[in-house]
Amino acid sequence: MKEVATLSFEHALSELESLVRKLEEGNMPLEDAVKAYERGIALKNHCDQKLKTAQLKIEEVMVTPEGPQTKPFEGDI
């Protein structure tokens, strides 16, 4: 099993969906279910961070006299 931090968003999301399906079936021993749940939380957090990073790369909020506006993000994250 790969380290969560090294996974792409798509791979992490796919693994998370698979874990959820297995947990919903209810056929896992308790110890395996707890490990799957813990990995699922790590995968969810990883996906959340990847999405936040992508959003920051897409737009930057600016406060102007006319109110808040967005523009493409041009800096480093």
N, C-alpha and C. Protein backbone atom coordinates (compact mmCIF):
# COMPACT_ATOMS: atom_id res chain seq x y z
N MET A 1 0.85 -1.17 0.00
CA MET A 1 0.00 0.00 0.00
C MET A 1 0.90 1.24 0.00
N LYS A 2 0.64 2.15 -0.93
CA LYS A 2 1.45 3.35 -1.06
C LYS A 2 1.17 4.35 0.04
N GLU A 3 2.19 5.14 0.36
CA GLU A 3 2.04 6.23 1.32
C GLU A 3 1.03 7.23 0.75
N VAL A 4 0.08 7.67 1.54
CA VAL A 4 -0.99 8.55 1.09
C VAL A 4 -0.44 9.82 0.45
N ALA A 5 0.59 10.41 1.04
CA ALA A 5 1.13 11.68 0.55
C ALA A 5 1.69 11.58 -0.86
N THR A 6 1.99 10.38 -1.33
CA THR A 6 2.57 10.23 -2.67
C THR A 6 1.51 10.00 -3.75
N LEU A 7 0.25 9.84 -3.35
CA LEU A 7 -0.80 9.52 -4.31
C LEU A 7 -1.31 10.75 -5.04
N SER A 8 -1.69 10.56 -6.28
CA SER A 8 -2.37 11.61 -7.03
C SER A 8 -3.78 11.74 -6.47
N PHE A 9 -4.43 12.85 -6.77
CA PHE A 9 -5.80 13.06 -6.32
C PHE A 9 -6.69 11.93 -6.82
N GLU A 10 -6.57 11.60 -8.09
CA GLU A 10 -7.44 10.58 -8.69
C GLU A 10 -7.25 9.21 -8.05
N HIS A 11 -5.99 8.85 -7.78
CA HIS A 11 -5.73 7.54 -7.18
C HIS A 11 -6.24 7.51 -5.75
N ALA A 12 -6.01 8.59 -5.00
CA ALA A 12 -6.49 8.65 -3.61
C ALA A 12 -8.01 8.58 -3.56
N LEU A 13 -8.68 9.29 -4.44
CA LEU A 13 -10.14 9.28 -4.46
C LEU A 13 -10.67 7.89 -4.83
N SER A 14 -10.04 7.25 -5.79
CA SER A 14 -10.46 5.91 -6.19
C SER A 14 -10.29 4.92 -5.03
N GLU A 15 -9.17 5.01 -4.33
CA GLU A 15 -8.96 4.12 -3.19
C GLU A 15 -9.97 4.41 -2.08
N LEU A 16 -10.25 5.68 -1.85
CA LEU A 16 -11.23 6.07 -0.83
C LEU A 16 -12.60 5.50 -1.17
N GLU A 17 -13.02 5.61 -2.41
CA GLU A 17 -14.32 5.07 -2.83
C GLU A 17 -14.38 3.56 -2.63
N SER A 18 -13.28 2.89 -2.92
CA SER A 18 -13.21 1.44 -2.75
C SER A 18 -13.32 1.06 -1.26
N LEU A 19 -12.63 1.81 -0.40
CA LEU A 19 -12.71 1.54 1.03
C LEU A 19 -14.12 1.75 1.57
N VAL A 20 -14.78 2.79 1.10
CA VAL A 20 -16.14 3.08 1.55
C VAL A 20 -17.07 1.93 1.17
N ARG A 21 -16.94 1.44 -0.07
CA ARG A 21 -17.78 0.31 -0.51
C ARG A 21 -17.55 -0.91 0.38
N LYS A 22 -16.28 -1.21 0.67
CA LYS A 22 -15.97 -2.37 1.51
C LYS A 22 -16.52 -2.20 2.92
N LEU A 23 -16.39 -1.00 3.46
CA LEU A 23 -16.91 -0.75 4.81
C LEU A 23 -18.43 -0.85 4.84
N GLU A 24 -19.08 -0.37 3.80
CA GLU A 24 -20.54 -0.43 3.74
C GLU A 24 -21.05 -1.85 3.65
N GLU A 25 -20.28 -2.75 3.06
CA GLU A 25 -20.68 -4.16 2.98
C GLU A 25 -20.73 -4.80 4.36
N GLY A 26 -19.89 -4.31 5.28
CA GLY A 26 -19.91 -4.81 6.65
C GLY A 26 -19.34 -6.20 6.84
N ASN A 27 -18.53 -6.66 5.91
CA ASN A 27 -17.98 -8.02 6.00
C ASN A 27 -16.56 -8.07 6.55
N MET A 28 -16.02 -6.94 6.98
CA MET A 28 -14.64 -6.90 7.48
C MET A 28 -14.61 -7.19 8.97
N PRO A 29 -13.55 -7.88 9.40
CA PRO A 29 -13.34 -7.99 10.84
C PRO A 29 -13.13 -6.58 11.43
N LEU A 30 -13.45 -6.41 12.68
CA LEU A 30 -13.40 -5.09 13.30
C LEU A 30 -12.03 -4.43 13.16
N GLU A 31 -10.97 -5.17 13.41
CA GLU A 31 -9.62 -4.60 13.33
C GLU A 31 -9.33 -4.09 11.92
N ASP A 32 -9.70 -4.84 10.90
CA ASP A 32 -9.49 -4.41 9.51
C ASP A 32 -10.35 -3.20 9.18
N ALA A 33 -11.57 -3.18 9.72
CA ALA A 33 -12.47 -2.05 9.47
C ALA A 33 -11.90 -0.77 10.08
N VAL A 34 -11.33 -0.87 11.26
CA VAL A 34 -10.73 0.31 11.91
C VAL A 34 -9.54 0.80 11.10
N LYS A 35 -8.70 -0.11 10.62
CA LYS A 35 -7.55 0.28 9.78
C LYS A 35 -8.03 0.92 8.48
N ALA A 36 -9.07 0.37 7.88
CA ALA A 36 -9.61 0.92 6.64
C ALA A 36 -10.18 2.31 6.89
N TYR A 37 -10.87 2.49 8.01
CA TYR A 37 -11.42 3.79 8.37
C TYR A 37 -10.30 4.82 8.55
N GLU A 38 -9.24 4.44 9.26
CA GLU A 38 -8.12 5.35 9.48
C GLU A 38 -7.45 5.73 8.16
N ARG A 39 -7.28 4.77 7.28
CA ARG A 39 -6.70 5.06 5.95
C ARG A 39 -7.66 5.96 5.18
N GLY A 40 -8.94 5.70 5.29
CA GLY A 40 -9.93 6.51 4.60
C GLY A 40 -9.87 7.97 5.04
N ILE A 41 -9.71 8.20 6.33
CA ILE A 41 -9.59 9.57 6.83
C ILE A 41 -8.35 10.24 6.24
N ALA A 42 -7.24 9.52 6.21
CA ALA A 42 -6.00 10.07 5.63
C ALA A 42 -6.19 10.38 4.15
N LEU A 43 -6.87 9.50 3.43
CA LEU A 43 -7.13 9.72 2.00
C LEU A 43 -8.03 10.93 1.79
N LYS A 44 -9.08 11.06 2.61
CA LYS A 44 -9.99 12.20 2.51
C LYS A 44 -9.26 13.51 2.75
N ASN A 45 -8.42 13.54 3.79
CA ASN A 45 -7.65 14.75 4.09
C ASN A 45 -6.68 15.09 2.96
N HIS A 46 -6.07 14.08 2.38
CA HIS A 46 -5.15 14.27 1.26
C HIS A 46 -5.90 14.86 0.05
N CYS A 47 -7.06 14.32 -0.24
CA CYS A 47 -7.87 14.83 -1.36
C CYS A 47 -8.31 16.27 -1.10
N ASP A 48 -8.73 16.57 0.13
CA ASP A 48 -9.12 17.93 0.48
C ASP A 48 -7.96 18.90 0.23
N GLN A 49 -6.76 18.52 0.66
CA GLN A 49 -5.60 19.40 0.49
C GLN A 49 -5.27 19.59 -0.98
N LYS A 50 -5.36 18.54 -1.75
CA LYS A 50 -5.09 18.65 -3.20
C LYS A 50 -6.09 19.60 -3.85
N LEU A 51 -7.36 19.52 -3.47
CA LEU A 51 -8.38 20.41 -4.02
C LEU A 51 -8.14 21.86 -3.63
N LYS A 52 -7.77 22.10 -2.37
CA LYS A 52 -7.50 23.46 -1.91
C LYS A 52 -6.31 24.05 -2.66
N THR A 53 -5.28 23.25 -2.86
CA THR A 53 -4.10 23.71 -3.60
C THR A 53 -4.47 24.04 -5.04
N ALA A 54 -5.26 23.20 -5.66
CA ALA A 54 -5.69 23.46 -7.04
C ALA A 54 -6.51 24.73 -7.13
N GLN A 55 -7.39 24.95 -6.16
CA GLN A 55 -8.22 26.16 -6.18
C GLN A 55 -7.36 27.40 -6.04
N LEU A 56 -6.36 27.36 -5.17
CA LEU A 56 -5.47 28.50 -5.01
C LEU A 56 -4.70 28.80 -6.29
N LYS A 57 -4.37 27.77 -7.03
CA LYS A 57 -3.66 27.97 -8.29
C LYS A 57 -4.56 28.58 -9.35
N ILE A 58 -5.84 28.37 -9.22
CA ILE A 58 -6.80 28.84 -10.23
C ILE A 58 -7.19 30.29 -10.01
N GLU A 59 -7.42 30.68 -8.76
CA GLU A 59 -7.87 32.05 -8.53
C GLU A 59 -7.35 32.63 -7.23
N GLU A 60 -7.21 33.93 -7.23
CA GLU A 60 -6.76 34.67 -6.07
C GLU A 60 -7.80 35.76 -5.80
N VAL A 61 -8.19 35.90 -4.56
CA VAL A 61 -9.18 36.91 -4.21
C VAL A 61 -8.47 38.23 -3.93
N MET A 62 -9.00 39.30 -4.51
CA MET A 62 -8.46 40.64 -4.28
C MET A 62 -9.56 41.49 -3.69
N VAL A 63 -9.20 42.37 -2.77
CA VAL A 63 -10.15 43.32 -2.24
C VAL A 63 -9.90 44.65 -2.95
N THR A 64 -10.91 45.14 -3.62
CA THR A 64 -10.80 46.39 -4.36
C THR A 64 -11.85 47.37 -3.83
N PRO A 65 -11.75 48.64 -4.23
CA PRO A 65 -12.77 49.59 -3.80
C PRO A 65 -14.18 49.17 -4.23
N GLU A 66 -14.29 48.40 -5.30
CA GLU A 66 -15.58 47.91 -5.78
C GLU A 66 -16.04 46.66 -5.04
N GLY A 67 -15.21 46.12 -4.17
CA GLY A 67 -15.55 44.91 -3.43
C GLY A 67 -14.62 43.76 -3.80
N PRO A 68 -14.84 42.59 -3.24
CA PRO A 68 -13.98 41.44 -3.54
C PRO A 68 -14.08 41.02 -5.00
N GLN A 69 -12.95 40.70 -5.57
CA GLN A 69 -12.88 40.20 -6.94
C GLN A 69 -11.84 39.09 -6.99
N THR A 70 -11.91 38.27 -8.02
CA THR A 70 -10.91 37.22 -8.18
C THR A 70 -10.11 37.47 -9.44
N LYS A 71 -8.91 36.95 -9.44
CA LYS A 71 -8.06 36.98 -10.64
C LYS A 71 -7.26 35.69 -10.64
N PRO A 72 -6.72 35.30 -11.78
CA PRO A 72 -5.91 34.09 -11.81
C PRO A 72 -4.73 34.20 -10.84
N PHE A 73 -4.45 33.13 -10.13
CA PHE A 73 -3.34 33.12 -9.19
C PHE A 73 -2.04 33.04 -9.96
N GLU A 74 -1.09 33.89 -9.62
CA GLU A 74 0.18 33.93 -10.36
C GLU A 74 1.38 33.61 -9.49
N GLY A 75 1.21 33.41 -8.20
CA GLY A 75 2.32 33.16 -7.30
C GLY A 75 2.59 31.69 -7.10
N ASP A 76 3.57 31.45 -6.21
CA ASP A 76 3.89 30.07 -5.83
C ASP A 76 3.10 29.69 -4.59
N ILE A 77 2.83 28.42 -4.47
CA ILE A 77 2.14 27.92 -3.27
C ILE A 77 3.14 27.20 -2.43
